[in-house]
Amino acid sequence: MNFVNILREKTKILASFPEIGSIPDDKVMKSMGYRYLVHKEYLIFYHYEAKQKMSYILAVFHSRRDYTRVMRKFLK
């Protein structure tokens, strides 16, 4: 539970700075407007909808995982 609370705190910055996250190297994720935040050895993927002024957290991966392969399954 503590880990989830820490991630929630980390993502609160998106309320003020929704485009602060890094853009992934993956062409598919980049073209769809996905971004990610880094917290220690974890990557927090999100998508910002400018019209709605809302950020959507999509996934949290350990940085050593093959997150690109997993994310592509959900993006198709």
Protein backbone atom coordinates (compact mmCIF):
# COMPACT_ATOMS: atom_id res chain seq x y z
CA MET A 1 0.00 0.00 0.00
CA ASN A 2 2.86 2.37 0.76
CA PHE A 3 4.22 1.88 -2.76
CA VAL A 4 0.88 2.88 -4.29
CA ASN A 5 0.71 5.99 -2.11
CA ILE A 6 4.22 6.99 -3.17
CA LEU A 7 3.26 6.62 -6.84
CA ARG A 8 0.15 8.72 -6.27
CA GLU A 9 2.29 11.47 -4.77
CA LYS A 10 4.69 11.27 -7.71
CA THR A 11 1.87 11.68 -10.25
CA LYS A 12 0.29 14.69 -8.52
CA ILE A 13 2.71 16.87 -10.48
CA LEU A 14 0.68 16.06 -13.61
CA ALA A 15 -2.15 18.28 -12.33
CA SER A 16 0.07 21.34 -12.77
CA PHE A 17 2.52 20.13 -15.41
CA PRO A 18 0.82 17.46 -17.53
CA GLU A 19 3.48 17.43 -20.24
CA ILE A 20 6.44 17.10 -17.87
CA GLY A 21 6.96 13.41 -18.62
CA SER A 22 9.50 12.04 -21.05
CA ILE A 23 8.47 10.89 -24.51
CA PRO A 24 9.11 7.17 -25.13
CA ASP A 25 11.57 6.07 -27.81
CA ASP A 26 9.02 3.62 -29.19
CA LYS A 27 7.49 5.05 -32.38
CA VAL A 28 4.00 3.69 -31.76
CA MET A 29 3.77 5.04 -28.22
CA LYS A 30 5.30 8.34 -29.29
CA SER A 31 2.83 8.77 -32.17
CA MET A 32 -0.09 8.15 -29.81
CA GLY A 33 1.10 10.85 -27.40
CA TYR A 34 2.16 8.69 -24.48
CA ARG A 35 4.63 9.93 -21.90
CA TYR A 36 6.21 8.54 -18.78
CA LEU A 37 7.52 9.61 -15.39
CA VAL A 38 10.41 7.91 -13.61
CA HIS A 39 10.27 6.98 -9.95
CA LYS A 40 13.38 5.12 -8.79
CA GLU A 41 13.45 1.99 -10.96
CA TYR A 42 9.83 2.31 -12.13
CA LEU A 43 8.28 3.91 -15.21
CA ILE A 44 4.80 5.40 -14.93
CA PHE A 45 3.14 5.62 -18.36
CA TYR A 46 0.35 8.11 -18.95
CA HIS A 47 -1.56 9.94 -21.66
CA TYR A 48 -2.64 13.57 -21.44
CA GLU A 49 -5.93 14.66 -23.03
CA ALA A 50 -5.54 18.41 -23.58
CA LYS A 51 -9.21 19.00 -24.43
CA GLN A 52 -10.33 17.40 -21.18
CA LYS A 53 -7.30 18.68 -19.24
CA MET A 54 -6.91 15.19 -17.82
CA SER A 55 -3.98 12.81 -17.43
CA TYR A 56 -4.65 9.07 -17.53
CA ILE A 57 -2.21 6.66 -15.88
CA LEU A 58 -1.93 3.59 -18.09
CA ALA A 59 0.68 1.37 -16.53
CA VAL A 60 3.57 1.11 -14.11
CA PHE A 61 6.55 -1.06 -15.08
CA HIS A 62 9.83 -1.94 -13.50
CA SER A 63 12.45 -0.41 -15.80
CA ARG A 64 14.12 -3.78 -16.39
CA ARG A 65 10.94 -5.29 -17.86
CA ASP A 66 10.25 -5.34 -21.58
CA TYR A 67 7.50 -2.74 -21.24
CA THR A 68 7.46 -1.95 -24.97
CA ARG A 69 6.29 -5.46 -25.87
CA VAL A 70 3.57 -5.43 -23.20
CA MET A 71 2.34 -1.92 -24.05
CA ARG A 72 2.10 -2.69 -27.77
CA LYS A 73 -0.37 -5.52 -27.01
CA PHE A 74 -2.72 -2.99 -25.42
CA LEU A 75 -2.24 -0.25 -28.02
CA LYS A 76 -3.38 -2.25 -31.04
